[in-house]
Amino acid sequence: MIKTMALFAISLFMLVACGEAGDAQLEKNASNETEAVASGESVGNDGLGVGPIKSVTIGALDAAMAKEGEDIFAKNCTACHKIDAKFVGPALAGVTERRKPEWIMNMIMNPEQMVKEDPVAKELLAEFLAPMANQNITEDQARKIVEYFRQVDSK
């Protein structure tokens, strides 16, 4: 019995001692990720997210593309997202002001990898507790959804 208690005490001491040494590094890593999240940028990729989209050319607002994006959004996204209210996922009003179009498209097209590797997506998952479902949206469809968001955000 005494051996068991001594072994338990030593194990507990080692766990606490090892934990204190690692805490500083964990806090540093968390601080770096928090700063990246606050700035809307992902660590190591300039806020582009993780996925196939590396660059998006944005020009003048295209009303026809935005209308198509609204239809795609209504069909695929409204079960979890509302524009002006938190729902299963975050409210999307202002998303084009908070995130780069590449990040938005990568999140739409590649949500599984984004929540595993992108600090902003990880933070959203931690807040909303529901991973974004992959709706198999194409690049063209994702670009149209971004245009719809741009139209909403321009009002």
Protein backbone atom coordinates (compact mmCIF):
# COMPACT_ATOMS: atom_id res chain seq x y z
CA MET A 1 0.00 0.00 0.00
CA ILE A 2 2.80 2.42 0.89
CA LYS A 3 4.64 1.50 -2.33
CA THR A 4 1.50 2.25 -4.34
CA MET A 5 0.99 5.62 -2.67
CA ALA A 6 4.67 6.54 -3.14
CA LEU A 7 4.53 5.54 -6.80
CA PHE A 8 1.36 7.59 -7.24
CA ALA A 9 2.96 10.62 -5.55
CA ILE A 10 6.08 10.39 -7.72
CA SER A 11 3.97 10.02 -10.87
CA LEU A 12 1.88 13.02 -9.90
CA PHE A 13 5.00 15.10 -9.17
CA MET A 14 6.53 14.20 -12.55
CA LEU A 15 3.33 15.01 -14.38
CA VAL A 16 3.08 18.43 -12.74
CA ALA A 17 6.78 19.18 -13.23
CA CYS A 18 6.72 18.20 -16.89
CA GLY A 19 3.52 20.13 -17.43
CA GLU A 20 5.05 23.36 -16.09
CA ALA A 21 7.97 23.17 -18.52
CA GLY A 22 5.64 22.67 -21.47
CA ASP A 23 3.15 25.34 -20.39
CA ALA A 24 5.35 28.24 -21.52
CA GLN A 25 5.68 26.78 -25.03
CA LEU A 26 1.96 25.99 -25.19
CA GLU A 27 1.13 29.54 -24.11
CA LYS A 28 3.51 30.94 -26.74
CA ASN A 29 1.94 28.80 -29.48
CA ALA A 30 -1.57 29.72 -28.34
CA SER A 31 -0.61 33.40 -28.27
CA ASN A 32 0.72 33.24 -31.84
CA GLU A 33 -2.44 31.51 -33.07
CA THR A 34 -4.67 33.95 -31.17
CA GLU A 35 -2.88 36.90 -32.77
CA ALA A 36 -3.32 35.30 -36.19
CA VAL A 37 -7.01 34.65 -35.55
CA ALA A 38 -7.55 38.21 -34.31
CA SER A 39 -5.94 39.61 -37.45
CA GLY A 40 -7.97 37.27 -39.66
CA GLU A 41 -4.83 35.62 -40.96
CA SER A 42 -3.74 32.02 -40.77
CA VAL A 43 -0.31 31.15 -39.47
CA GLY A 44 2.07 30.48 -42.34
CA ASN A 45 -0.23 31.20 -45.26
CA ASP A 46 -1.12 34.90 -45.12
CA GLY A 47 -4.81 34.28 -44.42
CA LEU A 48 -5.44 32.26 -47.57
CA GLY A 49 -6.55 29.14 -45.72
CA VAL A 50 -5.67 25.57 -46.63
CA GLY A 51 -6.78 24.17 -49.94
CA PRO A 52 -6.67 24.54 -53.69
CA ILE A 53 -7.37 28.28 -53.88
CA LYS A 54 -4.15 30.28 -53.85
CA SER A 55 -5.27 33.43 -55.63
CA VAL A 56 -8.60 35.04 -56.55
CA THR A 57 -9.00 38.04 -58.79
CA ILE A 58 -11.69 40.38 -57.49
CA GLY A 59 -13.00 43.14 -59.70
CA ALA A 60 -16.17 45.18 -59.76
CA LEU A 61 -19.17 43.52 -58.18
CA ASP A 62 -20.87 41.18 -60.68
CA ALA A 63 -24.62 41.21 -59.93
CA ALA A 64 -25.39 38.18 -62.12
CA MET A 65 -22.67 36.12 -60.43
CA ALA A 66 -23.90 37.28 -57.01
CA LYS A 67 -27.45 36.17 -57.87
CA GLU A 68 -26.17 32.71 -58.83
CA GLY A 69 -24.16 32.67 -55.60
CA GLU A 70 -27.27 33.56 -53.59
CA ASP A 71 -29.11 30.62 -55.16
CA ILE A 72 -26.22 28.22 -54.42
CA PHE A 73 -26.02 29.55 -50.85
CA ALA A 74 -29.78 29.13 -50.35
CA LYS A 75 -29.68 25.54 -51.60
CA ASN A 76 -26.51 24.36 -49.82
CA CYS A 77 -25.71 26.57 -46.85
CA THR A 78 -28.82 27.93 -45.13
CA ALA A 79 -29.39 24.80 -43.05
CA CYS A 80 -26.41 25.96 -40.97
CA HIS A 81 -25.74 29.61 -41.86
CA LYS A 82 -27.75 32.80 -41.73
CA ILE A 83 -26.48 36.13 -42.98
CA ASP A 84 -27.35 38.27 -39.95
CA ALA A 85 -27.51 35.74 -37.11
CA LYS A 86 -25.43 33.01 -35.54
CA PHE A 87 -27.04 29.65 -36.14
CA VAL A 88 -25.30 26.27 -36.33
CA GLY A 89 -22.40 28.22 -37.85
CA PRO A 90 -21.37 31.86 -37.70
CA ALA A 91 -23.37 34.75 -39.14
CA LEU A 92 -21.89 35.61 -42.51
CA ALA A 93 -22.57 39.34 -42.72
CA GLY A 94 -19.21 41.07 -43.00
CA VAL A 95 -17.30 37.89 -43.82
CA THR A 96 -15.62 39.52 -46.85
CA GLU A 97 -14.33 42.25 -44.54
CA ARG A 98 -12.91 39.72 -42.05
CA ARG A 99 -11.50 37.10 -44.42
CA LYS A 100 -9.73 37.01 -47.75
CA PRO A 101 -11.71 35.53 -50.67
CA GLU A 102 -9.19 32.69 -50.93
CA TRP A 103 -9.84 31.76 -47.29
CA ILE A 104 -13.61 31.83 -47.80
CA MET A 105 -13.40 29.65 -50.91
CA ASN A 106 -11.01 27.19 -49.24
CA MET A 107 -13.35 26.94 -46.26
CA ILE A 108 -16.31 26.28 -48.54
CA MET A 109 -14.49 23.74 -50.70
CA ASN A 110 -12.14 22.14 -48.16
CA PRO A 111 -13.74 22.36 -44.69
CA GLU A 112 -12.26 19.12 -43.30
CA GLN A 113 -8.65 20.11 -43.92
CA MET A 114 -9.31 23.72 -42.89
CA VAL A 115 -10.54 22.76 -39.40
CA LYS A 116 -7.52 20.49 -38.98
CA GLU A 117 -4.83 22.91 -40.18
CA ASP A 118 -6.07 26.51 -40.28
CA PRO A 119 -6.03 28.33 -36.91
CA VAL A 120 -9.01 30.56 -37.78
CA ALA A 121 -11.10 27.55 -38.81
CA LYS A 122 -10.00 25.70 -35.66
CA GLU A 123 -11.15 28.65 -33.54
CA LEU A 124 -14.53 28.71 -35.32
CA LEU A 125 -14.93 24.98 -34.72
CA ALA A 126 -14.11 25.45 -31.04
CA GLU A 127 -16.69 28.23 -30.78
CA PHE A 128 -19.52 26.59 -32.73
CA LEU A 129 -18.73 22.92 -31.94
CA ALA A 130 -20.03 21.75 -35.31
CA PRO A 131 -17.65 21.08 -38.20
CA MET A 132 -18.69 22.56 -41.50
CA ALA A 133 -20.13 19.91 -43.82
CA ASN A 134 -18.48 19.42 -47.18
CA GLN A 135 -21.19 20.23 -49.73
CA ASN A 136 -18.93 19.33 -52.68
CA ILE A 137 -19.07 22.90 -53.95
CA THR A 138 -17.00 23.50 -57.08
CA GLU A 139 -14.51 26.34 -57.44
CA ASP A 140 -16.90 28.18 -59.76
CA GLN A 141 -19.75 27.82 -57.27
CA ALA A 142 -17.55 28.93 -54.35
CA ARG A 143 -16.49 32.02 -56.30
CA LYS A 144 -20.16 32.86 -56.93
CA ILE A 145 -20.92 32.49 -53.22
CA VAL A 146 -18.07 34.90 -52.46
CA GLU A 147 -19.59 37.35 -54.93
CA TYR A 148 -22.95 37.01 -53.14
CA PHE A 149 -21.21 37.72 -49.81
CA ARG A 150 -19.51 40.76 -51.38
CA GLN A 151 -22.90 42.03 -52.52
CA VAL A 152 -24.39 41.54 -49.04
CA ASP A 153 -21.41 43.26 -47.44
CA SER A 154 -21.59 46.22 -49.83
CA LYS A 155 -25.03 47.22 -48.52
